[in-house]
Amino acid sequence: MDRAVFFISDHTGITAEALGRSLLSQFPDFRFERTTLPFVDTEVKLRAACQRIQASQRDSGQAPLVFSSLANAGLRTLLMASGAVVFDVFEGHIERLETALGLQSAQAVGRAHGFHAQGRERIEALKFALDTDDGLRADAYGAADIILVGVSRSGKTPACLYLSLQYGVAAANYPLAEEELERVELPRTLRAWRDKLFGLTLAPERLHLLREERRPGSRYAALPQCRREIQAAAALFQTAGIPCLDTSNMSVEEIATTVLHRSALKRLRW
């Protein structure tokens, strides 16, 4: 038995996904086709999301299940009118889900955490992220789902670790060295993997503060040096056609979710 499920959030969607994972695990006989729509924070975006939900309903003949963590009351009202079975993070859910699916829940304690095969995949993804961290094991890039590139301290390593643990994504990262930036061309190591590359950048002032924590008073941390590297990296991303994300004011959760969403990466299924 199949059922379409949407997770909709005005932020990363992690809360809505966690809620849905816990509840849907009580119905092991169903196969759920999951779609996550993060950063739905305007009426225009929500109406587009509702169109996707309604299209799914027309195709399947069944009302999709929607797990929502929208904070705006107006957006929640619009979502409720979509025709889907909507579960809000602030309401009780299990009885309504039983009614929607026509089954009694399994009531199995801990079922949401019992995904042993997926757990192994997450561990493998984490091992890959560690093995390829900071430009190591470039020979393994063929197995990467994505390769994050950027200057030192732009958020590559924590984003890779989060992508591996949260989503089971094989994420490598490559630091752009000063001499590579001066050439304004893609390093030879990365040329074969252009389609897997995703750039991270940040404001020079933010980079300066981060580097001061690591090497205070050094040339590496000096603001002029940070400006030069950020400008050179931006030129490289543009020349090579690499998508780029400014991480200046983003948490690691936001960075990873945005990279996942913009890259259309296949996440680990539960």
Protein backbone atom coordinates (compact mmCIF):
# COMPACT_ATOMS: atom_id res chain seq x y z
CA MET A 1 0.00 0.00 0.00
CA ASP A 2 1.34 3.41 -1.02
CA ARG A 3 0.52 6.86 0.32
CA ALA A 4 1.98 10.25 -0.59
CA VAL A 5 3.44 12.21 2.32
CA PHE A 6 4.61 15.84 2.34
CA PHE A 7 6.68 17.57 5.00
CA ILE A 8 6.21 21.34 4.86
CA SER A 9 8.08 23.88 6.93
CA ASP A 10 8.90 27.57 6.96
CA HIS A 11 12.41 26.56 8.10
CA THR A 12 14.53 23.45 7.52
CA GLY A 13 11.74 20.89 7.87
CA ILE A 14 13.68 18.78 10.36
CA THR A 15 10.97 19.08 13.03
CA ALA A 16 8.18 18.10 10.62
CA GLU A 17 10.27 15.18 9.34
CA ALA A 18 10.99 13.97 12.87
CA LEU A 19 7.29 14.07 13.74
CA GLY A 20 6.32 12.22 10.57
CA ARG A 21 9.04 9.60 10.97
CA SER A 22 7.88 8.76 14.49
CA LEU A 23 4.21 8.50 13.55
CA LEU A 24 4.54 6.75 10.20
CA SER A 25 6.78 4.09 11.74
CA GLN A 26 3.67 2.80 13.52
CA PHE A 27 2.27 1.65 10.13
CA PRO A 28 4.90 -0.75 8.75
CA ASP A 29 2.56 -2.21 6.10
CA PHE A 30 2.45 1.08 4.19
CA ARG A 31 4.99 2.42 1.71
CA PHE A 32 5.15 6.19 2.00
CA GLU A 33 6.32 8.37 -0.90
CA ARG A 34 7.93 11.27 0.91
CA THR A 35 8.50 14.83 -0.30
CA THR A 36 10.07 17.53 1.87
CA LEU A 37 9.41 21.21 1.09
CA PRO A 38 11.57 23.40 3.36
CA PHE A 39 11.61 27.21 3.59
CA VAL A 40 7.94 27.62 2.64
CA ASP A 41 7.68 31.03 4.30
CA THR A 42 5.47 33.07 1.95
CA GLU A 43 1.97 32.73 0.56
CA VAL A 44 3.38 32.36 -2.96
CA LYS A 45 5.55 29.40 -1.90
CA LEU A 46 2.72 27.79 0.04
CA ARG A 47 0.30 28.05 -2.88
CA ALA A 48 2.92 26.34 -5.06
CA ALA A 49 3.25 23.62 -2.43
CA CYS A 50 -0.54 23.19 -2.34
CA GLN A 51 -0.55 22.76 -6.11
CA ARG A 52 1.91 19.88 -5.77
CA ILE A 53 -0.21 18.31 -3.03
CA GLN A 54 -3.38 18.59 -5.11
CA ALA A 55 -1.62 17.17 -8.18
CA SER A 56 -0.54 14.19 -6.09
CA GLN A 57 -4.11 13.68 -4.94
CA ARG A 58 -5.41 13.77 -8.52
CA ASP A 59 -2.81 11.22 -9.60
CA SER A 60 -3.33 8.78 -6.72
CA GLY A 61 -6.98 9.35 -5.87
CA GLN A 62 -6.02 9.64 -2.18
CA ALA A 63 -5.54 12.68 0.00
CA PRO A 64 -1.80 13.04 0.78
CA LEU A 65 -0.64 13.18 4.37
CA VAL A 66 1.02 16.50 5.23
CA PHE A 67 3.18 17.09 8.30
CA SER A 68 3.54 20.80 8.88
CA SER A 69 5.63 22.99 11.13
CA LEU A 70 4.42 26.32 9.73
CA ALA A 71 4.48 29.07 12.35
CA ASN A 72 2.31 31.57 10.47
CA ALA A 73 -1.41 31.10 11.21
CA GLY A 74 -2.44 32.42 7.80
CA LEU A 75 -0.23 29.92 6.01
CA ARG A 76 -1.57 27.11 8.18
CA THR A 77 -5.13 28.08 7.23
CA LEU A 78 -4.26 27.97 3.53
CA LEU A 79 -2.62 24.58 3.96
CA MET A 80 -5.68 23.19 5.74
CA ALA A 81 -7.75 24.12 2.66
CA SER A 82 -5.51 22.10 0.30
CA GLY A 83 -7.57 18.93 0.64
CA ALA A 84 -4.75 17.01 2.32
CA VAL A 85 -4.82 15.34 5.72
CA VAL A 86 -2.73 17.88 7.64
CA PHE A 87 -0.93 17.12 10.90
CA ASP A 88 0.39 20.13 12.76
CA VAL A 89 3.34 19.79 15.13
CA PHE A 90 1.34 21.26 18.00
CA GLU A 91 -1.58 18.83 17.81
CA GLY A 92 -2.05 15.18 18.75
CA HIS A 93 -1.67 12.95 15.75
CA ILE A 94 -1.79 9.21 16.19
CA GLU A 95 -5.62 8.86 16.38
CA ARG A 96 -6.14 10.99 13.28
CA LEU A 97 -3.47 9.02 11.41
CA GLU A 98 -5.20 5.75 12.30
CA THR A 99 -8.44 7.18 10.87
CA ALA A 100 -6.77 8.41 7.68
CA LEU A 101 -5.04 5.07 7.00
CA GLY A 102 -7.87 2.85 8.23
CA LEU A 103 -5.55 0.87 10.50
CA GLN A 104 -4.74 0.58 14.16
CA SER A 105 -1.21 1.75 14.91
CA ALA A 106 1.38 -0.83 15.89
CA GLN A 107 1.95 0.90 19.24
CA ALA A 108 5.49 -0.44 19.20
CA VAL A 109 7.80 1.50 21.48
CA GLY A 110 10.98 2.59 19.73
CA ARG A 111 9.85 1.61 16.23
CA ALA A 112 10.93 5.02 14.93
CA HIS A 113 14.53 4.20 15.85
CA GLY A 114 14.60 0.62 14.61
CA PHE A 115 15.98 1.16 11.12
CA HIS A 116 19.10 -0.98 11.36
CA ALA A 117 19.94 -1.10 7.64
CA GLN A 118 19.54 2.66 7.31
CA GLY A 119 21.64 3.08 10.44
CA ARG A 120 24.47 1.20 8.77
CA GLU A 121 24.13 3.39 5.70
CA ARG A 122 24.41 6.51 7.86
CA ILE A 123 27.57 5.12 9.47
CA GLU A 124 29.03 4.41 6.03
CA ALA A 125 28.16 7.93 4.92
CA LEU A 126 29.79 9.35 8.06
CA LYS A 127 32.92 7.26 7.48
CA PHE A 128 33.08 8.57 3.91
CA ALA A 129 32.78 12.17 5.12
CA LEU A 130 35.62 11.66 7.59
CA ASP A 131 37.83 9.80 5.10
CA THR A 132 37.46 12.56 2.49
CA ASP A 133 37.51 15.54 4.86
CA ASP A 134 39.63 18.54 3.93
CA GLY A 135 40.69 17.24 0.53
CA LEU A 136 41.75 13.76 1.64
CA ARG A 137 41.17 10.67 -0.53
CA ALA A 138 40.40 12.47 -3.77
CA ASP A 139 40.53 9.03 -5.38
CA ALA A 140 37.21 8.29 -3.63
CA TYR A 141 35.33 11.24 -5.17
CA GLY A 142 33.62 8.94 -7.65
CA ALA A 143 31.55 7.57 -4.74
CA ALA A 144 30.56 11.04 -3.49
CA ASP A 145 26.99 12.30 -3.78
CA ILE A 146 28.28 15.86 -3.41
CA ILE A 147 31.62 17.64 -2.94
CA LEU A 148 31.56 20.89 -0.99
CA VAL A 149 34.25 23.39 -1.95
CA GLY A 150 35.29 26.67 -0.40
CA VAL A 151 37.99 28.49 1.50
CA SER A 152 39.14 27.27 4.88
CA ARG A 153 36.52 27.76 7.66
CA SER A 154 33.56 28.27 5.34
CA GLY A 155 31.54 25.49 7.00
CA LYS A 156 32.39 22.53 4.75
CA THR A 157 33.26 19.92 7.37
CA PRO A 158 30.27 20.37 9.72
CA ALA A 159 27.91 20.49 6.74
CA CYS A 160 29.35 17.22 5.39
CA LEU A 161 29.03 15.53 8.78
CA TYR A 162 25.43 16.68 9.15
CA LEU A 163 24.54 15.57 5.62
CA SER A 164 25.93 12.13 6.36
CA LEU A 165 24.31 11.65 9.77
CA GLN A 166 20.94 13.26 9.11
CA TYR A 167 20.40 12.31 5.48
CA GLY A 168 22.81 9.46 4.68
CA VAL A 169 24.49 11.55 1.96
CA ALA A 170 28.08 10.70 0.95
CA ALA A 171 29.56 14.21 1.21
CA ALA A 172 33.21 15.06 0.60
CA ASN A 173 34.83 18.47 0.93
CA TYR A 174 37.77 20.18 -0.70
CA PRO A 175 39.50 23.32 0.65
CA LEU A 176 40.55 25.89 -1.94
CA ALA A 177 44.19 26.74 -1.26
CA GLU A 178 45.53 30.25 -1.83
CA GLU A 179 47.65 29.23 -4.82
CA GLU A 180 44.63 27.57 -6.45
CA LEU A 181 42.54 30.67 -5.94
CA GLU A 182 45.18 32.83 -7.60
CA ARG A 183 44.81 30.84 -10.83
CA VAL A 184 41.01 31.33 -10.88
CA GLU A 185 40.51 27.93 -12.43
CA LEU A 186 39.13 24.68 -11.14
CA PRO A 187 41.84 22.58 -9.44
CA ARG A 188 42.83 19.55 -11.51
CA THR A 189 41.63 17.23 -8.72
CA LEU A 190 38.06 18.50 -9.11
CA ARG A 191 37.71 18.80 -12.88
CA ALA A 192 36.30 15.32 -13.42
CA TRP A 193 33.64 15.93 -10.77
CA ARG A 194 32.28 19.33 -11.79
CA ASP A 195 28.65 18.15 -11.63
CA LYS A 196 29.10 17.14 -7.98
CA LEU A 197 30.56 20.43 -6.79
CA PHE A 198 28.75 22.90 -4.54
CA GLY A 199 30.45 26.06 -3.24
CA LEU A 200 30.23 27.52 0.26
CA THR A 201 31.17 31.12 0.95
CA LEU A 202 30.64 33.72 3.66
CA ALA A 203 31.22 37.37 4.45
CA PRO A 204 34.94 38.25 4.85
CA GLU A 205 34.22 39.75 8.28
CA ARG A 206 32.65 36.50 9.45
CA LEU A 207 35.54 34.48 8.04
CA HIS A 208 37.98 36.78 9.83
CA LEU A 209 36.30 36.09 13.19
CA LEU A 210 36.28 32.34 12.63
CA ARG A 211 39.94 32.25 11.65
CA GLU A 212 40.95 34.46 14.57
CA GLU A 213 39.61 31.73 16.86
CA ARG A 214 41.93 29.22 15.24
CA ARG A 215 45.06 31.33 14.56
CA PRO A 216 44.78 34.72 16.27
CA GLY A 217 46.89 37.50 14.78
CA SER A 218 48.03 35.42 11.80
CA ARG A 219 48.12 36.38 8.13
CA TYR A 220 45.67 33.51 7.60
CA ALA A 221 43.12 35.30 9.79
CA ALA A 222 43.78 38.88 8.66
CA LEU A 223 40.75 40.63 7.22
CA PRO A 224 42.48 41.70 3.96
CA GLN A 225 43.53 38.08 3.37
CA CYS A 226 39.98 36.90 4.03
CA ARG A 227 38.64 39.45 1.54
CA ARG A 228 41.08 38.33 -1.15
CA GLU A 229 40.23 34.67 -0.72
CA ILE A 230 36.46 35.22 -0.70
CA GLN A 231 36.64 37.38 -3.83
CA ALA A 232 38.84 34.84 -5.63
CA ALA A 233 36.55 31.97 -4.62
CA ALA A 234 33.51 33.87 -5.93
CA ALA A 235 35.28 34.41 -9.26
CA LEU A 236 36.15 30.72 -9.44
CA PHE A 237 32.58 29.61 -8.69
CA GLN A 238 31.26 31.92 -11.39
CA THR A 239 33.84 30.87 -13.97
CA ALA A 240 33.34 27.16 -13.32
CA GLY A 241 29.55 27.40 -13.05
CA ILE A 242 29.46 26.06 -9.50
CA PRO A 243 26.32 26.77 -7.42
CA CYS A 244 27.16 28.66 -4.26
CA LEU A 245 25.65 29.31 -0.82
CA ASP A 246 26.47 32.15 1.59
CA THR A 247 26.76 30.57 5.05
CA SER A 248 27.44 33.78 6.99
CA ASN A 249 24.26 33.71 9.08
CA MET A 250 23.29 30.05 8.79
CA SER A 251 23.40 27.18 11.25
CA VAL A 252 24.89 23.86 10.15
CA GLU A 253 21.34 22.48 9.93
CA GLU A 254 20.34 25.29 7.58
CA ILE A 255 23.47 24.85 5.46
CA ALA A 256 22.97 21.10 5.05
CA THR A 257 19.24 21.36 4.35
CA THR A 258 19.72 24.15 1.81
CA VAL A 259 22.48 22.24 0.01
CA LEU A 260 20.30 19.13 -0.04
CA HIS A 261 17.29 21.05 -1.36
CA ARG A 262 19.14 23.04 -4.02
CA SER A 263 21.17 20.06 -5.23
CA ALA A 264 18.13 17.74 -5.43
CA LEU A 265 20.21 15.05 -3.71
CA LYS A 266 18.60 11.72 -2.99
CA ARG A 267 18.38 11.43 0.75
CA LEU A 268 18.44 8.20 2.73
CA ARG A 269 14.97 6.66 2.86
CA TRP A 270 13.70 5.54 6.22
